[in-house]
């Protein structure tokens, strides 16, 4: 029986992934996970603030400001949408009046 094209593609994809994973898997399996890094690019340990709790409170305060800004923008958009709907309705009425009475 002849092999279908879809079967052939599945096999080739499996082989491709096996080659790819084996290329990466060899380094991790051998335990050679140490990487030689330039010391200039190493990060320092994060410094802890003495008033760490105050810092967290400021972060949460920022979230409420974001929510307030989002609510303000939503209300402004609602107002504009209501005006646009009202103007559209008035224009429709004017067009109907012009069609039937002129």
C-alpha atoms as a PDB file:
ATOM      1  CA  UNK A   1       0.000   0.000   0.000  1.00  0.00           C
ATOM      2  CA  UNK A   2       1.228   3.479  -0.855  1.00  0.00           C
ATOM      3  CA  UNK A   3       1.977   5.890   1.968  1.00  0.00           C
ATOM      4  CA  UNK A   4      -0.307   8.923   2.035  1.00  0.00           C
ATOM      5  CA  UNK A   5       1.099  12.402   1.899  1.00  0.00           C
ATOM      6  CA  UNK A   6      -0.359  13.277   5.297  1.00  0.00           C
ATOM      7  CA  UNK A   7       1.355  10.249   6.868  1.00  0.00           C
ATOM      8  CA  UNK A   8       4.642  11.211   5.250  1.00  0.00           C
ATOM      9  CA  UNK A   9       4.338  14.783   6.587  1.00  0.00           C
ATOM     10  CA  UNK A  10       3.527  13.532  10.076  1.00  0.00           C
ATOM     11  CA  UNK A  11       6.608  11.331  10.070  1.00  0.00           C
ATOM     12  CA  UNK A  12       8.831  14.123   8.813  1.00  0.00           C
ATOM     13  CA  UNK A  13       7.461  16.506  11.456  1.00  0.00           C
ATOM     14  CA  UNK A  14       8.137  13.933  14.184  1.00  0.00           C
ATOM     15  CA  UNK A  15      11.683  13.447  12.934  1.00  0.00           C
ATOM     16  CA  UNK A  16      12.222  17.192  12.809  1.00  0.00           C
ATOM     17  CA  UNK A  17      11.005  17.651  16.393  1.00  0.00           C
ATOM     18  CA  UNK A  18      13.078  14.700  17.584  1.00  0.00           C
ATOM     19  CA  UNK A  19      16.212  16.204  16.059  1.00  0.00           C
ATOM     20  CA  UNK A  20      15.408  19.585  17.538  1.00  0.00           C
ATOM     21  CA  UNK A  21      14.689  18.264  21.028  1.00  0.00           C
ATOM     22  CA  UNK A  22      17.700  15.980  20.991  1.00  0.00           C
ATOM     23  CA  UNK A  23      19.922  18.938  20.124  1.00  0.00           C
ATOM     24  CA  UNK A  24      18.676  20.822  23.167  1.00  0.00           C
ATOM     25  CA  UNK A  25      18.257  17.777  25.383  1.00  0.00           C
ATOM     26  CA  UNK A  26      21.930  16.746  25.235  1.00  0.00           C
ATOM     27  CA  UNK A  27      23.133  19.859  27.078  1.00  0.00           C
ATOM     28  CA  UNK A  28      20.609  19.544  29.872  1.00  0.00           C
ATOM     29  CA  UNK A  29      21.031  15.812  30.372  1.00  0.00           C
ATOM     30  CA  UNK A  30      24.806  15.993  30.675  1.00  0.00           C
ATOM     31  CA  UNK A  31      24.553  18.452  33.567  1.00  0.00           C
ATOM     32  CA  UNK A  32      26.429  21.135  31.656  1.00  0.00           C
ATOM     33  CA  UNK A  33      24.000  23.863  32.638  1.00  0.00           C
ATOM     34  CA  UNK A  34      26.626  26.404  33.725  1.00  0.00           C
ATOM     35  CA  UNK A  35      26.844  29.331  31.354  1.00  0.00           C
ATOM     36  CA  UNK A  36      29.850  31.600  31.106  1.00  0.00           C
ATOM     37  CA  UNK A  37      28.479  35.139  31.508  1.00  0.00           C
ATOM     38  CA  UNK A  38      30.322  38.436  31.419  1.00  0.00           C
ATOM     39  CA  UNK A  39      30.273  39.837  34.993  1.00  0.00           C
ATOM     40  CA  UNK A  40      29.347  43.290  33.683  1.00  0.00           C
ATOM     41  CA  UNK A  41      25.992  41.939  32.610  1.00  0.00           C
ATOM     42  CA  UNK A  42      25.105  40.184  35.865  1.00  0.00           C
ATOM     43  CA  UNK A  43      22.266  41.640  37.893  1.00  0.00           C
ATOM     44  CA  UNK A  44      22.751  42.767  41.440  1.00  0.00           C
ATOM     45  CA  UNK A  45      20.536  41.371  44.147  1.00  0.00           C
ATOM     46  CA  UNK A  46      17.322  43.362  44.457  1.00  0.00           C
ATOM     47  CA  UNK A  47      17.535  45.890  47.269  1.00  0.00           C
ATOM     48  CA  UNK A  48      14.749  45.803  49.823  1.00  0.00           C
ATOM     49  CA  UNK A  49      13.232  49.073  50.933  1.00  0.00           C
ATOM     50  CA  UNK A  50      12.878  49.775  54.627  1.00  0.00           C
ATOM     51  CA  UNK A  51       9.302  50.876  54.015  1.00  0.00           C
ATOM     52  CA  UNK A  52       8.353  47.870  51.889  1.00  0.00           C
ATOM     53  CA  UNK A  53       4.751  47.951  53.126  1.00  0.00           C
ATOM     54  CA  UNK A  54       4.350  51.577  52.035  1.00  0.00           C
ATOM     55  CA  UNK A  55       5.652  50.643  48.603  1.00  0.00           C
ATOM     56  CA  UNK A  56       2.949  47.955  48.287  1.00  0.00           C
ATOM     57  CA  UNK A  57       0.291  50.448  49.358  1.00  0.00           C
ATOM     58  CA  UNK A  58       1.440  52.820  46.627  1.00  0.00           C
ATOM     59  CA  UNK A  59       1.144  50.033  44.067  1.00  0.00           C
ATOM     60  CA  UNK A  60      -2.428  49.290  45.087  1.00  0.00           C
ATOM     61  CA  UNK A  61      -3.181  53.000  45.037  1.00  0.00           C
ATOM     62  CA  UNK A  62      -1.977  53.050  41.448  1.00  0.00           C
ATOM     63  CA  UNK A  63      -4.446  50.339  40.533  1.00  0.00           C
ATOM     64  CA  UNK A  64      -7.349  52.345  41.924  1.00  0.00           C
ATOM     65  CA  UNK A  65      -6.174  55.369  39.927  1.00  0.00           C
ATOM     66  CA  UNK A  66      -6.150  53.176  36.838  1.00  0.00           C
ATOM     67  CA  UNK A  67      -9.695  52.038  37.587  1.00  0.00           C
ATOM     68  CA  UNK A  68     -10.813  55.641  38.112  1.00  0.00           C
ATOM     69  CA  UNK A  69      -9.261  56.673  34.816  1.00  0.00           C
ATOM     70  CA  UNK A  70     -10.905  53.721  33.068  1.00  0.00           C
ATOM     71  CA  UNK A  71     -14.307  54.647  34.563  1.00  0.00           C
ATOM     72  CA  UNK A  72     -13.876  58.284  33.552  1.00  0.00           C
ATOM     73  CA  UNK A  73     -13.047  57.293  29.983  1.00  0.00           C
ATOM     74  CA  UNK A  74     -15.979  54.860  29.850  1.00  0.00           C
ATOM     75  CA  UNK A  75     -18.409  57.525  31.079  1.00  0.00           C
ATOM     76  CA  UNK A  76     -17.072  60.037  28.555  1.00  0.00           C
ATOM     77  CA  UNK A  77     -17.496  57.475  25.772  1.00  0.00           C
ATOM     78  CA  UNK A  78     -21.063  56.701  26.910  1.00  0.00           C
ATOM     79  CA  UNK A  79     -21.911  60.399  26.865  1.00  0.00           C
ATOM     80  CA  UNK A  80     -20.525  60.799  23.350  1.00  0.00           C
ATOM     81  CA  UNK A  81     -22.391  57.722  22.164  1.00  0.00           C
ATOM     82  CA  UNK A  82     -25.666  59.034  23.605  1.00  0.00           C
ATOM     83  CA  UNK A  83     -25.144  62.358  21.817  1.00  0.00           C
ATOM     84  CA  UNK A  84     -24.375  60.586  18.536  1.00  0.00           C
ATOM     85  CA  UNK A  85     -27.539  58.448  18.834  1.00  0.00           C
ATOM     86  CA  UNK A  86     -29.644  61.513  19.625  1.00  0.00           C
ATOM     87  CA  UNK A  87     -28.276  63.503  16.694  1.00  0.00           C
ATOM     88  CA  UNK A  88     -28.834  60.527  14.375  1.00  0.00           C
ATOM     89  CA  UNK A  89     -32.463  60.192  15.485  1.00  0.00           C
ATOM     90  CA  UNK A  90     -33.088  63.918  14.961  1.00  0.00           C
ATOM     91  CA  UNK A  91     -31.580  63.739  11.471  1.00  0.00           C
ATOM     92  CA  UNK A  92     -33.720  60.707  10.600  1.00  0.00           C
ATOM     93  CA  UNK A  93     -36.843  62.570  11.695  1.00  0.00           C
ATOM     94  CA  UNK A  94     -35.823  65.610   9.609  1.00  0.00           C
ATOM     95  CA  UNK A  95     -35.260  63.423   6.543  1.00  0.00           C
ATOM     96  CA  UNK A  96     -38.659  61.741   6.981  1.00  0.00           C
ATOM     97  CA  UNK A  97     -40.354  65.116   7.365  1.00  0.00           C
ATOM     98  CA  UNK A  98     -38.629  66.370   4.230  1.00  0.00           C
ATOM     99  CA  UNK A  99     -39.669  63.283   2.254  1.00  0.00           C
ATOM    100  CA  UNK A 100     -43.339  63.285   3.216  1.00  0.00           C
ATOM    101  CA  UNK A 101     -44.144  66.977   3.575  1.00  0.00           C
ATOM    102  CA  UNK A 102     -42.080  68.652   0.851  1.00  0.00           C
END
